[in-house]
Amino acid sequence: MLFYYTKVQVNDLLTPHLLIEQVIYWLQHTKNKMKDLNYDDSLNYILKEEHKSLEIKDFNTKT
């Protein structure tokens, strides 16, 4: 099992919406697509397929 976790600091140039948009675009165009991907623009999104899982979550934390 592979598990990837990324925590990214966003700002005025790299907004959460822009970052998610780029990830969704990549997931739609990679050879390893997630066929049921129908992202609804929320900051809390979960998709599980056979051997894949995608979770978008806004932790809204600053340190």
N, C-alpha and C. Protein backbone atom coordinates (compact mmCIF):
# COMPACT_ATOMS: atom_id res chain seq x y z
N MET A 1 0.84 -1.17 0.00
CA MET A 1 0.00 0.00 0.00
C MET A 1 0.89 1.23 0.00
N LEU A 2 0.58 2.17 -0.85
CA LEU A 2 1.27 3.45 -0.87
C LEU A 2 0.33 4.51 -0.33
N PHE A 3 0.88 5.38 0.47
CA PHE A 3 0.08 6.44 1.06
C PHE A 3 0.86 7.74 0.91
N TYR A 4 0.22 8.72 0.32
CA TYR A 4 0.85 10.03 0.15
C TYR A 4 0.04 11.06 0.91
N TYR A 5 0.73 11.91 1.62
CA TYR A 5 0.09 12.95 2.39
C TYR A 5 0.86 14.24 2.12
N THR A 6 0.15 15.29 1.82
CA THR A 6 0.81 16.55 1.56
C THR A 6 0.10 17.66 2.31
N LYS A 7 0.88 18.44 3.00
CA LYS A 7 0.36 19.63 3.67
C LYS A 7 1.04 20.81 3.00
N VAL A 8 0.25 21.68 2.40
CA VAL A 8 0.79 22.77 1.60
C VAL A 8 0.32 24.11 2.17
N GLN A 9 1.26 24.98 2.38
CA GLN A 9 0.93 26.34 2.82
C GLN A 9 0.44 27.13 1.61
N VAL A 10 -0.72 27.70 1.69
CA VAL A 10 -1.26 28.49 0.58
C VAL A 10 -1.12 29.97 0.90
N ASN A 11 -1.20 30.77 -0.15
CA ASN A 11 -1.08 32.22 0.02
C ASN A 11 -1.91 32.91 -1.07
N ASP A 12 -1.64 34.18 -1.34
CA ASP A 12 -2.41 34.91 -2.34
C ASP A 12 -2.19 34.38 -3.75
N LEU A 13 -1.02 33.82 -4.03
CA LEU A 13 -0.73 33.29 -5.36
C LEU A 13 -1.14 31.83 -5.52
N LEU A 14 -0.89 31.05 -4.51
CA LEU A 14 -1.26 29.64 -4.55
C LEU A 14 -2.43 29.43 -3.59
N THR A 15 -3.60 29.60 -4.10
CA THR A 15 -4.81 29.47 -3.28
C THR A 15 -5.22 28.01 -3.18
N PRO A 16 -6.01 27.66 -2.20
CA PRO A 16 -6.49 26.28 -2.11
C PRO A 16 -7.23 25.86 -3.39
N HIS A 17 -8.04 26.75 -3.93
CA HIS A 17 -8.78 26.43 -5.15
C HIS A 17 -7.85 26.12 -6.32
N LEU A 18 -6.82 26.93 -6.50
CA LEU A 18 -5.87 26.72 -7.59
C LEU A 18 -5.09 25.41 -7.41
N LEU A 19 -4.65 25.14 -6.21
CA LEU A 19 -3.93 23.91 -5.94
C LEU A 19 -4.80 22.68 -6.23
N ILE A 20 -6.01 22.68 -5.74
CA ILE A 20 -6.93 21.56 -5.96
C ILE A 20 -7.26 21.42 -7.44
N GLU A 21 -7.46 22.53 -8.12
CA GLU A 21 -7.73 22.51 -9.56
C GLU A 21 -6.60 21.81 -10.32
N GLN A 22 -5.37 22.09 -9.95
CA GLN A 22 -4.23 21.46 -10.61
C GLN A 22 -4.16 19.96 -10.32
N VAL A 23 -4.44 19.57 -9.10
CA VAL A 23 -4.43 18.15 -8.75
C VAL A 23 -5.54 17.41 -9.49
N ILE A 24 -6.72 17.98 -9.54
CA ILE A 24 -7.85 17.36 -10.24
C ILE A 24 -7.53 17.23 -11.73
N TYR A 25 -6.96 18.27 -12.31
CA TYR A 25 -6.58 18.21 -13.72
C TYR A 25 -5.60 17.05 -13.96
N TRP A 26 -4.61 16.95 -13.10
CA TRP A 26 -3.64 15.87 -13.24
C TRP A 26 -4.32 14.50 -13.12
N LEU A 27 -5.21 14.36 -12.15
CA LEU A 27 -5.90 13.08 -11.96
C LEU A 27 -6.81 12.72 -13.14
N GLN A 28 -7.27 13.71 -13.86
CA GLN A 28 -8.12 13.46 -15.02
C GLN A 28 -7.32 13.13 -16.27
N HIS A 29 -6.04 13.46 -16.28
CA HIS A 29 -5.23 13.29 -17.49
C HIS A 29 -4.06 12.33 -17.35
N THR A 30 -3.88 11.75 -16.21
CA THR A 30 -2.81 10.78 -16.02
C THR A 30 -3.25 9.43 -16.58
N LYS A 31 -2.30 8.57 -16.87
CA LYS A 31 -2.66 7.24 -17.37
C LYS A 31 -3.32 6.40 -16.28
N ASN A 32 -3.18 6.81 -15.04
CA ASN A 32 -3.75 6.09 -13.91
C ASN A 32 -4.96 6.84 -13.35
N LYS A 33 -5.89 7.20 -14.23
CA LYS A 33 -7.05 8.03 -13.88
C LYS A 33 -7.94 7.39 -12.83
N MET A 34 -8.66 8.26 -12.14
CA MET A 34 -9.72 7.80 -11.25
C MET A 34 -11.02 7.99 -12.01
N LYS A 35 -11.62 6.90 -12.44
CA LYS A 35 -12.74 6.97 -13.38
C LYS A 35 -13.99 7.63 -12.81
N ASP A 36 -14.21 7.57 -11.52
CA ASP A 36 -15.42 8.15 -10.93
C ASP A 36 -15.20 9.55 -10.36
N LEU A 37 -14.11 10.17 -10.73
CA LEU A 37 -13.80 11.50 -10.21
C LEU A 37 -14.79 12.54 -10.74
N ASN A 38 -15.53 13.09 -9.82
CA ASN A 38 -16.51 14.13 -10.14
C ASN A 38 -16.45 15.16 -9.02
N TYR A 39 -15.38 15.89 -8.99
CA TYR A 39 -15.10 16.82 -7.90
C TYR A 39 -16.15 17.93 -7.85
N ASP A 40 -16.64 18.23 -6.66
CA ASP A 40 -17.74 19.19 -6.48
C ASP A 40 -17.31 20.54 -5.90
N ASP A 41 -16.02 20.85 -5.98
CA ASP A 41 -15.46 22.14 -5.51
C ASP A 41 -15.50 22.32 -3.99
N SER A 42 -15.74 21.28 -3.25
CA SER A 42 -15.75 21.41 -1.80
C SER A 42 -14.33 21.20 -1.25
N LEU A 43 -14.12 21.66 -0.04
CA LEU A 43 -12.82 21.46 0.61
C LEU A 43 -12.83 20.23 1.49
N ASN A 44 -13.87 19.46 1.40
CA ASN A 44 -13.97 18.17 2.08
C ASN A 44 -14.56 17.18 1.09
N TYR A 45 -13.70 16.45 0.43
CA TYR A 45 -14.12 15.55 -0.65
C TYR A 45 -13.40 14.22 -0.50
N ILE A 46 -14.15 13.14 -0.67
CA ILE A 46 -13.56 11.79 -0.58
C ILE A 46 -14.06 10.96 -1.76
N LEU A 47 -13.12 10.27 -2.38
CA LEU A 47 -13.45 9.35 -3.46
C LEU A 47 -12.65 8.08 -3.24
N LYS A 48 -13.33 6.95 -3.27
CA LYS A 48 -12.65 5.66 -3.14
C LYS A 48 -13.03 4.80 -4.32
N GLU A 49 -12.02 4.25 -4.96
CA GLU A 49 -12.20 3.30 -6.04
C GLU A 49 -11.50 2.02 -5.62
N GLU A 50 -11.47 1.05 -6.48
CA GLU A 50 -10.94 -0.28 -6.16
C GLU A 50 -9.68 -0.23 -5.30
N HIS A 51 -8.60 0.27 -5.84
CA HIS A 51 -7.33 0.29 -5.11
C HIS A 51 -6.79 1.70 -4.94
N LYS A 52 -7.70 2.67 -5.06
CA LYS A 52 -7.27 4.07 -4.96
C LYS A 52 -8.23 4.84 -4.07
N SER A 53 -7.69 5.88 -3.49
CA SER A 53 -8.50 6.73 -2.64
C SER A 53 -7.97 8.16 -2.73
N LEU A 54 -8.88 9.11 -2.76
CA LEU A 54 -8.52 10.52 -2.79
C LEU A 54 -9.32 11.23 -1.72
N GLU A 55 -8.62 12.01 -0.90
CA GLU A 55 -9.32 12.81 0.10
C GLU A 55 -8.76 14.22 0.08
N ILE A 56 -9.64 15.17 -0.08
CA ILE A 56 -9.28 16.59 -0.02
C ILE A 56 -9.90 17.13 1.26
N LYS A 57 -9.06 17.70 2.09
CA LYS A 57 -9.54 18.17 3.38
C LYS A 57 -8.83 19.47 3.74
N ASP A 58 -9.60 20.45 4.17
CA ASP A 58 -9.03 21.71 4.61
C ASP A 58 -8.88 21.67 6.14
N PHE A 59 -7.62 21.67 6.59
CA PHE A 59 -7.36 21.62 8.02
C PHE A 59 -7.39 23.00 8.65
N ASN A 60 -7.27 24.02 7.82
CA ASN A 60 -7.39 25.41 8.27
C ASN A 60 -6.55 25.69 9.52
N THR A 61 -5.28 25.37 9.44
CA THR A 61 -4.38 25.60 10.57
C THR A 61 -3.23 26.49 10.14
N LYS A 62 -2.73 27.23 11.08
CA LYS A 62 -1.53 28.05 10.84
C LYS A 62 -0.58 27.81 12.00
N THR A 63 0.69 27.60 11.64
CA THR A 63 1.69 27.41 12.69
C THR A 63 2.86 28.31 12.48
